[in-house]
């Protein structure tokens, strides 16, 4: 997992409650790495199930929307996939 070292994370309300807890958790990579790995595994299982049920699964991660050129290509791929399905 990437380190948060030299990164900026803005947490509002970090003096107490949820904000303070988030600051502690963001700095705890021993907590986040297994959690993210579990999320990836669950996502993989759901995707495989949907595909085995006949779904055509296309995924857009939020982080991929930051690069406009890549986003345009992804939207084109999704649109072309939908149009292909409609023609069949």
PDB file of N, CA and C in Angstrom:
ATOM      1  N   UNK A   1       0.847  -1.171   0.000  1.00  0.00           N
ATOM      2  CA  UNK A   1       0.000   0.000   0.000  1.00  0.00           C
ATOM      3  C   UNK A   1       0.888   1.228   0.000  1.00  0.00           C
ATOM      4  N   UNK A   2       0.432   2.270  -0.653  1.00  0.00           N
ATOM      5  CA  UNK A   2       1.198   3.508  -0.695  1.00  0.00           C
ATOM      6  C   UNK A   2       1.250   4.142   0.678  1.00  0.00           C
ATOM      7  N   UNK A   3       2.347   4.802   0.939  1.00  0.00           N
ATOM      8  CA  UNK A   3       2.504   5.523   2.194  1.00  0.00           C
ATOM      9  C   UNK A   3       1.847   6.886   2.085  1.00  0.00           C
ATOM     10  N   UNK A   4       1.378   7.369   3.207  1.00  0.00           N
ATOM     11  CA  UNK A   4       0.842   8.725   3.243  1.00  0.00           C
ATOM     12  C   UNK A   4       1.947   9.741   3.496  1.00  0.00           C
ATOM     13  N   UNK A   5       3.186   9.274   3.631  1.00  0.00           N
ATOM     14  CA  UNK A   5       4.308  10.174   3.856  1.00  0.00           C
ATOM     15  C   UNK A   5       4.397  11.152   2.687  1.00  0.00           C
ATOM     16  N   UNK A   6       4.573  12.411   2.988  1.00  0.00           N
ATOM     17  CA  UNK A   6       4.667  13.483   1.994  1.00  0.00           C
ATOM     18  C   UNK A   6       3.366  13.700   1.226  1.00  0.00           C
ATOM     19  N   UNK A   7       2.249  13.211   1.741  1.00  0.00           N
ATOM     20  CA  UNK A   7       0.932  13.423   1.139  1.00  0.00           C
ATOM     21  C   UNK A   7       0.138  14.364   2.034  1.00  0.00           C
ATOM     22  N   UNK A   8      -0.866  14.975   1.459  1.00  0.00           N
ATOM     23  CA  UNK A   8      -1.729  15.861   2.231  1.00  0.00           C
ATOM     24  C   UNK A   8      -3.120  15.264   2.293  1.00  0.00           C
ATOM     25  N   UNK A   9      -3.643  15.134   3.486  1.00  0.00           N
ATOM     26  CA  UNK A   9      -5.004  14.662   3.689  1.00  0.00           C
ATOM     27  C   UNK A   9      -5.713  15.713   4.524  1.00  0.00           C
ATOM     28  N   UNK A  10      -6.805  16.243   4.018  1.00  0.00           N
ATOM     29  CA  UNK A  10      -7.573  17.251   4.737  1.00  0.00           C
ATOM     30  C   UNK A  10      -8.698  16.560   5.498  1.00  0.00           C
ATOM     31  N   UNK A  11      -8.655  16.667   6.801  1.00  0.00           N
ATOM     32  CA  UNK A  11      -9.707  16.116   7.646  1.00  0.00           C
ATOM     33  C   UNK A  11     -10.281  17.275   8.436  1.00  0.00           C
ATOM     34  N   UNK A  12     -11.554  17.568   8.195  1.00  0.00           N
ATOM     35  CA  UNK A  12     -12.180  18.647   8.959  1.00  0.00           C
ATOM     36  C   UNK A  12     -12.707  18.073  10.262  1.00  0.00           C
ATOM     37  N   UNK A  13     -12.668  18.869  11.302  1.00  0.00           N
ATOM     38  CA  UNK A  13     -13.141  18.401  12.607  1.00  0.00           C
ATOM     39  C   UNK A  13     -12.191  17.415  13.248  1.00  0.00           C
ATOM     40  N   UNK A  14     -10.884  17.574  13.001  1.00  0.00           N
ATOM     41  CA  UNK A  14      -9.901  16.604  13.487  1.00  0.00           C
ATOM     42  C   UNK A  14      -9.554  16.781  14.957  1.00  0.00           C
ATOM     43  N   UNK A  15     -10.207  17.709  15.639  1.00  0.00           N
ATOM     44  CA  UNK A  15      -9.873  17.928  17.045  1.00  0.00           C
ATOM     45  C   UNK A  15     -10.626  16.990  17.982  1.00  0.00           C
ATOM     46  N   UNK A  16     -11.666  16.318  17.450  1.00  0.00           N
ATOM     47  CA  UNK A  16     -12.423  15.392  18.303  1.00  0.00           C
ATOM     48  C   UNK A  16     -13.281  14.480  17.443  1.00  0.00           C
ATOM     49  N   UNK A  17     -13.859  13.500  18.076  1.00  0.00           N
ATOM     50  CA  UNK A  17     -14.843  12.632  17.429  1.00  0.00           C
ATOM     51  C   UNK A  17     -14.328  11.892  16.207  1.00  0.00           C
ATOM     52  N   UNK A  18     -15.176  11.820  15.185  1.00  0.00           N
ATOM     53  CA  UNK A  18     -14.860  11.070  13.964  1.00  0.00           C
ATOM     54  C   UNK A  18     -13.636  11.643  13.263  1.00  0.00           C
ATOM     55  N   UNK A  19     -13.530  12.963  13.211  1.00  0.00           N
ATOM     56  CA  UNK A  19     -12.371  13.588  12.562  1.00  0.00           C
ATOM     57  C   UNK A  19     -11.066  13.162  13.197  1.00  0.00           C
ATOM     58  N   UNK A  20     -11.019  13.175  14.514  1.00  0.00           N
ATOM     59  CA  UNK A  20      -9.811  12.755  15.226  1.00  0.00           C
ATOM     60  C   UNK A  20      -9.530  11.276  14.978  1.00  0.00           C
ATOM     61  N   UNK A  21     -10.575  10.465  15.008  1.00  0.00           N
ATOM     62  CA  UNK A  21     -10.408   9.028  14.741  1.00  0.00           C
ATOM     63  C   UNK A  21      -9.867   8.791  13.337  1.00  0.00           C
ATOM     64  N   UNK A  22     -10.345   9.567  12.364  1.00  0.00           N
ATOM     65  CA  UNK A  22      -9.856   9.428  10.987  1.00  0.00           C
ATOM     66  C   UNK A  22      -8.373   9.748  10.885  1.00  0.00           C
ATOM     67  N   UNK A  23      -7.933  10.778  11.579  1.00  0.00           N
ATOM     68  CA  UNK A  23      -6.509  11.124  11.560  1.00  0.00           C
ATOM     69  C   UNK A  23      -5.688   9.948  12.073  1.00  0.00           C
ATOM     70  N   UNK A  24      -6.130   9.336  13.172  1.00  0.00           N
ATOM     71  CA  UNK A  24      -5.404   8.185  13.713  1.00  0.00           C
ATOM     72  C   UNK A  24      -5.424   7.012  12.738  1.00  0.00           C
ATOM     73  N   UNK A  25      -6.566   6.746  12.140  1.00  0.00           N
ATOM     74  CA  UNK A  25      -6.677   5.610  11.226  1.00  0.00           C
ATOM     75  C   UNK A  25      -5.898   5.821   9.937  1.00  0.00           C
ATOM     76  N   UNK A  26      -5.901   7.046   9.402  1.00  0.00           N
ATOM     77  CA  UNK A  26      -5.150   7.315   8.171  1.00  0.00           C
ATOM     78  C   UNK A  26      -3.659   7.094   8.375  1.00  0.00           C
ATOM     79  N   UNK A  27      -3.207   7.286   9.594  1.00  0.00           N
ATOM     80  CA  UNK A  27      -1.785   7.098   9.867  1.00  0.00           C
ATOM     81  C   UNK A  27      -1.459   5.647  10.223  1.00  0.00           C
ATOM     82  N   UNK A  28      -2.446   4.779  10.267  1.00  0.00           N
ATOM     83  CA  UNK A  28      -2.265   3.392  10.678  1.00  0.00           C
ATOM     84  C   UNK A  28      -2.366   2.460   9.467  1.00  0.00           C
ATOM     85  N   UNK A  29      -1.272   2.305   8.746  1.00  0.00           N
ATOM     86  CA  UNK A  29      -1.304   1.473   7.551  1.00  0.00           C
ATOM     87  C   UNK A  29      -1.454  -0.010   7.870  1.00  0.00           C
ATOM     88  N   UNK A  30      -1.073  -0.416   9.082  1.00  0.00           N
ATOM     89  CA  UNK A  30      -1.316  -1.810   9.471  1.00  0.00           C
ATOM     90  C   UNK A  30      -2.803  -2.114   9.514  1.00  0.00           C
ATOM     91  N   UNK A  31      -3.607  -1.097   9.745  1.00  0.00           N
ATOM     92  CA  UNK A  31      -5.065  -1.235   9.732  1.00  0.00           C
ATOM     93  C   UNK A  31      -5.585  -1.247   8.299  1.00  0.00           C
ATOM     94  N   UNK A  32      -5.108  -0.319   7.466  1.00  0.00           N
ATOM     95  CA  UNK A  32      -5.687  -0.123   6.135  1.00  0.00           C
ATOM     96  C   UNK A  32      -5.313  -1.201   5.129  1.00  0.00           C
ATOM     97  N   UNK A  33      -4.085  -1.686   5.162  1.00  0.00           N
ATOM     98  CA  UNK A  33      -3.669  -2.662   4.145  1.00  0.00           C
ATOM     99  C   UNK A  33      -4.544  -3.914   4.144  1.00  0.00           C
ATOM    100  N   UNK A  34      -4.761  -4.590   5.297  1.00  0.00           N
ATOM    101  CA  UNK A  34      -5.642  -5.766   5.274  1.00  0.00           C
ATOM    102  C   UNK A  34      -7.082  -5.420   4.897  1.00  0.00           C
ATOM    103  N   UNK A  35      -7.563  -4.266   5.336  1.00  0.00           N
ATOM    104  CA  UNK A  35      -8.928  -3.847   5.012  1.00  0.00           C
ATOM    105  C   UNK A  35      -9.084  -3.684   3.499  1.00  0.00           C
ATOM    106  N   UNK A  36      -8.141  -3.000   2.871  1.00  0.00           N
ATOM    107  CA  UNK A  36      -8.212  -2.812   1.420  1.00  0.00           C
ATOM    108  C   UNK A  36      -8.081  -4.143   0.688  1.00  0.00           C
ATOM    109  N   UNK A  37      -7.237  -5.026   1.176  1.00  0.00           N
ATOM    110  CA  UNK A  37      -7.109  -6.348   0.552  1.00  0.00           C
ATOM    111  C   UNK A  37      -8.416  -7.137   0.652  1.00  0.00           C
ATOM    112  N   UNK A  38      -9.111  -7.042   1.811  1.00  0.00           N
ATOM    113  CA  UNK A  38     -10.415  -7.713   1.942  1.00  0.00           C
ATOM    114  C   UNK A  38     -11.429  -7.117   0.966  1.00  0.00           C
ATOM    115  N   UNK A  39     -11.422  -5.799   0.840  1.00  0.00           N
ATOM    116  CA  UNK A  39     -12.343  -5.145  -0.099  1.00  0.00           C
ATOM    117  C   UNK A  39     -12.068  -5.598  -1.523  1.00  0.00           C
ATOM    118  N   UNK A  40     -10.798  -5.693  -1.908  1.00  0.00           N
ATOM    119  CA  UNK A  40     -10.442  -6.150  -3.259  1.00  0.00           C
ATOM    120  C   UNK A  40     -10.935  -7.571  -3.493  1.00  0.00           C
ATOM    121  N   UNK A  41     -10.767  -8.434  -2.491  1.00  0.00           N
ATOM    122  CA  UNK A  41     -11.195  -9.828  -2.631  1.00  0.00           C
ATOM    123  C   UNK A  41     -12.713  -9.928  -2.756  1.00  0.00           C
ATOM    124  N   UNK A  42     -13.446  -9.168  -1.935  1.00  0.00           N
ATOM    125  CA  UNK A  42     -14.920  -9.172  -2.037  1.00  0.00           C
ATOM    126  C   UNK A  42     -15.362  -8.646  -3.406  1.00  0.00           C
ATOM    127  N   UNK A  43     -14.710  -7.593  -3.882  1.00  0.00           N
ATOM    128  CA  UNK A  43     -15.051  -7.056  -5.196  1.00  0.00           C
ATOM    129  C   UNK A  43     -14.815  -8.105  -6.278  1.00  0.00           C
ATOM    130  N   UNK A  44     -13.700  -8.804  -6.190  1.00  0.00           N
ATOM    131  CA  UNK A  44     -13.381  -9.852  -7.166  1.00  0.00           C
ATOM    132  C   UNK A  44     -14.461 -10.934  -7.160  1.00  0.00           C
ATOM    133  N   UNK A  45     -14.890 -11.344  -5.970  1.00  0.00           N
ATOM    134  CA  UNK A  45     -15.927 -12.376  -5.856  1.00  0.00           C
ATOM    135  C   UNK A  45     -17.248 -11.901  -6.470  1.00  0.00           C
ATOM    136  N   UNK A  46     -17.633 -10.659  -6.186  1.00  0.00           N
ATOM    137  CA  UNK A  46     -18.885 -10.123  -6.735  1.00  0.00           C
ATOM    138  C   UNK A  46     -18.800 -10.036  -8.248  1.00  0.00           C
ATOM    139  N   UNK A  47     -17.674  -9.541  -8.750  1.00  0.00           N
ATOM    140  CA  UNK A  47     -17.501  -9.429 -10.201  1.00  0.00           C
ATOM    141  C   UNK A  47     -17.591 -10.808 -10.866  1.00  0.00           C
ATOM    142  N   UNK A  48     -16.902 -11.790 -10.308  1.00  0.00           N
ATOM    143  CA  UNK A  48     -16.944 -13.142 -10.873  1.00  0.00           C
ATOM    144  C   UNK A  48     -18.360 -13.708 -10.867  1.00  0.00           C
ATOM    145  N   UNK A  49     -19.107 -13.457  -9.794  1.00  0.00           N
ATOM    146  CA  UNK A  49     -20.493 -13.932  -9.709  1.00  0.00           C
ATOM    147  C   UNK A  49     -21.355 -13.281 -10.776  1.00  0.00           C
ATOM    148  N   UNK A  50     -21.225 -11.956 -10.914  1.00  0.00           N
ATOM    149  CA  UNK A  50     -22.008 -11.256 -11.933  1.00  0.00           C
ATOM    150  C   UNK A  50     -21.672 -11.769 -13.328  1.00  0.00           C
ATOM    151  N   UNK A  51     -20.392 -11.961 -13.606  1.00  0.00           N
ATOM    152  CA  UNK A  51     -19.989 -12.456 -14.924  1.00  0.00           C
ATOM    153  C   UNK A  51     -20.496 -13.876 -15.157  1.00  0.00           C
ATOM    154  N   UNK A  52     -20.478 -14.718 -14.122  1.00  0.00           N
ATOM    155  CA  UNK A  52     -20.989 -16.087 -14.285  1.00  0.00           C
ATOM    156  C   UNK A  52     -22.498 -16.095 -14.495  1.00  0.00           C
ATOM    157  N   UNK A  53     -23.175 -15.031 -14.043  1.00  0.00           N
ATOM    158  CA  UNK A  53     -24.611 -14.887 -14.269  1.00  0.00           C
ATOM    159  C   UNK A  53     -24.923 -14.220 -15.612  1.00  0.00           C
ATOM    160  N   UNK A  54     -23.889 -13.946 -16.413  1.00  0.00           N
ATOM    161  CA  UNK A  54     -24.094 -13.397 -17.741  1.00  0.00           C
ATOM    162  C   UNK A  54     -23.950 -11.894 -17.864  1.00  0.00           C
ATOM    163  N   UNK A  55     -23.571 -11.219 -16.784  1.00  0.00           N
ATOM    164  CA  UNK A  55     -23.407  -9.761 -16.837  1.00  0.00           C
ATOM    165  C   UNK A  55     -22.086  -9.410 -17.503  1.00  0.00           C
ATOM    166  N   UNK A  56     -22.073  -8.311 -18.235  1.00  0.00           N
ATOM    167  CA  UNK A  56     -20.847  -7.737 -18.772  1.00  0.00           C
ATOM    168  C   UNK A  56     -20.438  -6.622 -17.810  1.00  0.00           C
ATOM    169  N   UNK A  57     -19.411  -6.866 -17.023  1.00  0.00           N
ATOM    170  CA  UNK A  57     -19.026  -5.948 -15.948  1.00  0.00           C
ATOM    171  C   UNK A  57     -17.945  -4.996 -16.433  1.00  0.00           C
ATOM    172  N   UNK A  58     -18.205  -3.716 -16.279  1.00  0.00           N
ATOM    173  CA  UNK A  58     -17.216  -2.685 -16.595  1.00  0.00           C
ATOM    174  C   UNK A  58     -17.040  -1.845 -15.338  1.00  0.00           C
ATOM    175  N   UNK A  59     -15.807  -1.595 -14.955  1.00  0.00           N
ATOM    176  CA  UNK A  59     -15.521  -0.934 -13.691  1.00  0.00           C
ATOM    177  C   UNK A  59     -14.812   0.385 -13.946  1.00  0.00           C
ATOM    178  N   UNK A  60     -15.259   1.412 -13.257  1.00  0.00           N
ATOM    179  CA  UNK A  60     -14.568   2.696 -13.268  1.00  0.00           C
ATOM    180  C   UNK A  60     -14.271   3.043 -11.821  1.00  0.00           C
ATOM    181  N   UNK A  61     -13.005   3.059 -11.482  1.00  0.00           N
ATOM    182  CA  UNK A  61     -12.599   3.460 -10.139  1.00  0.00           C
ATOM    183  C   UNK A  61     -12.582   4.973 -10.078  1.00  0.00           C
ATOM    184  N   UNK A  62     -12.986   5.509  -8.954  1.00  0.00           N
ATOM    185  CA  UNK A  62     -13.038   6.965  -8.792  1.00  0.00           C
ATOM    186  C   UNK A  62     -11.698   7.605  -9.118  1.00  0.00           C
ATOM    187  N   UNK A  63     -10.608   6.975  -8.722  1.00  0.00           N
ATOM    188  CA  UNK A  63      -9.288   7.558  -8.975  1.00  0.00           C
ATOM    189  C   UNK A  63      -8.978   7.640 -10.462  1.00  0.00           C
ATOM    190  N   UNK A  64      -9.649   6.827 -11.291  1.00  0.00           N
ATOM    191  CA  UNK A  64      -9.417   6.863 -12.730  1.00  0.00           C
ATOM    192  C   UNK A  64     -10.124   8.033 -13.393  1.00  0.00           C
ATOM    193  N   UNK A  65     -10.970   8.731 -12.667  1.00  0.00           N
ATOM    194  CA  UNK A  65     -11.693   9.858 -13.267  1.00  0.00           C
ATOM    195  C   UNK A  65     -10.877  11.142 -13.215  1.00  0.00           C
ATOM    196  N   UNK A  66      -9.716  11.105 -12.616  1.00  0.00           N
ATOM    197  CA  UNK A  66      -8.883  12.309 -12.505  1.00  0.00           C
ATOM    198  C   UNK A  66      -8.132  12.607 -13.790  1.00  0.00           C
ATOM    199  N   UNK A  67      -7.871  11.587 -14.585  1.00  0.00           N
ATOM    200  CA  UNK A  67      -7.159  11.764 -15.856  1.00  0.00           C
ATOM    201  C   UNK A  67      -8.217  11.839 -16.949  1.00  0.00           C
ATOM    202  N   UNK A  68      -8.446  13.048 -17.463  1.00  0.00           N
ATOM    203  CA  UNK A  68      -9.557  13.276 -18.405  1.00  0.00           C
ATOM    204  C   UNK A  68      -9.405  12.442 -19.671  1.00  0.00           C
ATOM    205  N   UNK A  69      -8.181  12.266 -20.167  1.00  0.00           N
ATOM    206  CA  UNK A  69      -7.992  11.475 -21.385  1.00  0.00           C
ATOM    207  C   UNK A  69      -8.367  10.015 -21.150  1.00  0.00           C
ATOM    208  N   UNK A  70      -7.952   9.476 -20.016  1.00  0.00           N
ATOM    209  CA  UNK A  70      -8.297   8.094 -19.681  1.00  0.00           C
ATOM    210  C   UNK A  70      -9.798   7.961 -19.440  1.00  0.00           C
ATOM    211  N   UNK A  71     -10.394   8.973 -18.815  1.00  0.00           N
ATOM    212  CA  UNK A  71     -11.830   8.948 -18.549  1.00  0.00           C
ATOM    213  C   UNK A  71     -12.623   8.934 -19.856  1.00  0.00           C
ATOM    214  N   UNK A  72     -12.215   9.739 -20.820  1.00  0.00           N
ATOM    215  CA  UNK A  72     -12.906   9.768 -22.122  1.00  0.00           C
ATOM    216  C   UNK A  72     -12.838   8.392 -22.783  1.00  0.00           C
ATOM    217  N   UNK A  73     -11.682   7.751 -22.727  1.00  0.00           N
ATOM    218  CA  UNK A  73     -11.530   6.407 -23.311  1.00  0.00           C
ATOM    219  C   UNK A  73     -12.433   5.412 -22.582  1.00  0.00           C
ATOM    220  N   UNK A  74     -12.475   5.497 -21.256  1.00  0.00           N
ATOM    221  CA  UNK A  74     -13.321   4.591 -20.475  1.00  0.00           C
ATOM    222  C   UNK A  74     -14.792   4.786 -20.805  1.00  0.00           C
ATOM    223  N   UNK A  75     -15.232   6.032 -20.905  1.00  0.00           N
ATOM    224  CA  UNK A  75     -16.631   6.317 -21.255  1.00  0.00           C
ATOM    225  C   UNK A  75     -16.943   5.794 -22.649  1.00  0.00           C
ATOM    226  N   UNK A  76     -16.017   5.972 -23.591  1.00  0.00           N
ATOM    227  CA  UNK A  76     -16.205   5.422 -24.939  1.00  0.00           C
ATOM    228  C   UNK A  76     -16.327   3.902 -24.890  1.00  0.00           C
ATOM    229  N   UNK A  77     -15.471   3.244 -24.095  1.00  0.00           N
ATOM    230  CA  UNK A  77     -15.533   1.779 -23.972  1.00  0.00           C
ATOM    231  C   UNK A  77     -16.880   1.333 -23.414  1.00  0.00           C
ATOM    232  N   UNK A  78     -17.357   2.045 -22.399  1.00  0.00           N
ATOM    233  CA  UNK A  78     -18.651   1.698 -21.804  1.00  0.00           C
ATOM    234  C   UNK A  78     -19.765   1.915 -22.816  1.00  0.00           C
ATOM    235  N   UNK A  79     -19.756   3.054 -23.488  1.00  0.00           N
ATOM    236  CA  UNK A  79     -20.787   3.358 -24.487  1.00  0.00           C
ATOM    237  C   UNK A  79     -20.774   2.336 -25.608  1.00  0.00           C
ATOM    238  N   UNK A  80     -19.588   1.999 -26.101  1.00  0.00           N
ATOM    239  CA  UNK A  80     -19.496   0.997 -27.174  1.00  0.00           C
ATOM    240  C   UNK A  80     -19.972  -0.364 -26.702  1.00  0.00           C
ATOM    241  N   UNK A  81     -19.666  -0.724 -25.438  1.00  0.00           N
ATOM    242  CA  UNK A  81     -20.145  -1.990 -24.895  1.00  0.00           C
ATOM    243  C   UNK A  81     -21.660  -2.037 -24.806  1.00  0.00           C
ATOM    244  N   UNK A  82     -22.252  -0.935 -24.376  1.00  0.00           N
ATOM    245  CA  UNK A  82     -23.726  -0.855 -24.282  1.00  0.00           C
ATOM    246  C   UNK A  82     -24.333  -0.956 -25.682  1.00  0.00           C
ATOM    247  N   UNK A  83     -23.796  -0.223 -26.623  1.00  0.00           N
ATOM    248  CA  UNK A  83     -24.334  -0.246 -27.990  1.00  0.00           C
ATOM    249  C   UNK A  83     -24.218  -1.644 -28.598  1.00  0.00           C
ATOM    250  N   UNK A  84     -23.115  -2.327 -28.334  1.00  0.00           N
ATOM    251  CA  UNK A  84     -22.935  -3.693 -28.839  1.00  0.00           C
ATOM    252  C   UNK A  84     -24.010  -4.609 -28.267  1.00  0.00           C
ATOM    253  N   UNK A  85     -24.279  -4.470 -26.974  1.00  0.00           N
ATOM    254  CA  UNK A  85     -25.296  -5.299 -26.332  1.00  0.00           C
ATOM    255  C   UNK A  85     -26.694  -4.996 -26.914  1.00  0.00           C
ATOM    256  N   UNK A  86     -26.977  -3.737 -27.189  1.00  0.00           N
ATOM    257  CA  UNK A  86     -28.285  -3.367 -27.727  1.00  0.00           C
ATOM    258  C   UNK A  86     -28.479  -3.903 -29.138  1.00  0.00           C
ATOM    259  N   UNK A  87     -27.402  -4.006 -29.902  1.00  0.00           N
ATOM    260  CA  UNK A  87     -27.499  -4.496 -31.275  1.00  0.00           C
ATOM    261  C   UNK A  87     -27.726  -6.001 -31.318  1.00  0.00           C
ATOM    262  N   UNK A  88     -27.340  -6.704 -30.272  1.00  0.00           N
ATOM    263  CA  UNK A  88     -27.457  -8.174 -30.272  1.00  0.00           C
ATOM    264  C   UNK A  88     -28.811  -8.581 -29.840  1.00  0.00           C
TER     265      UNK A  88
END
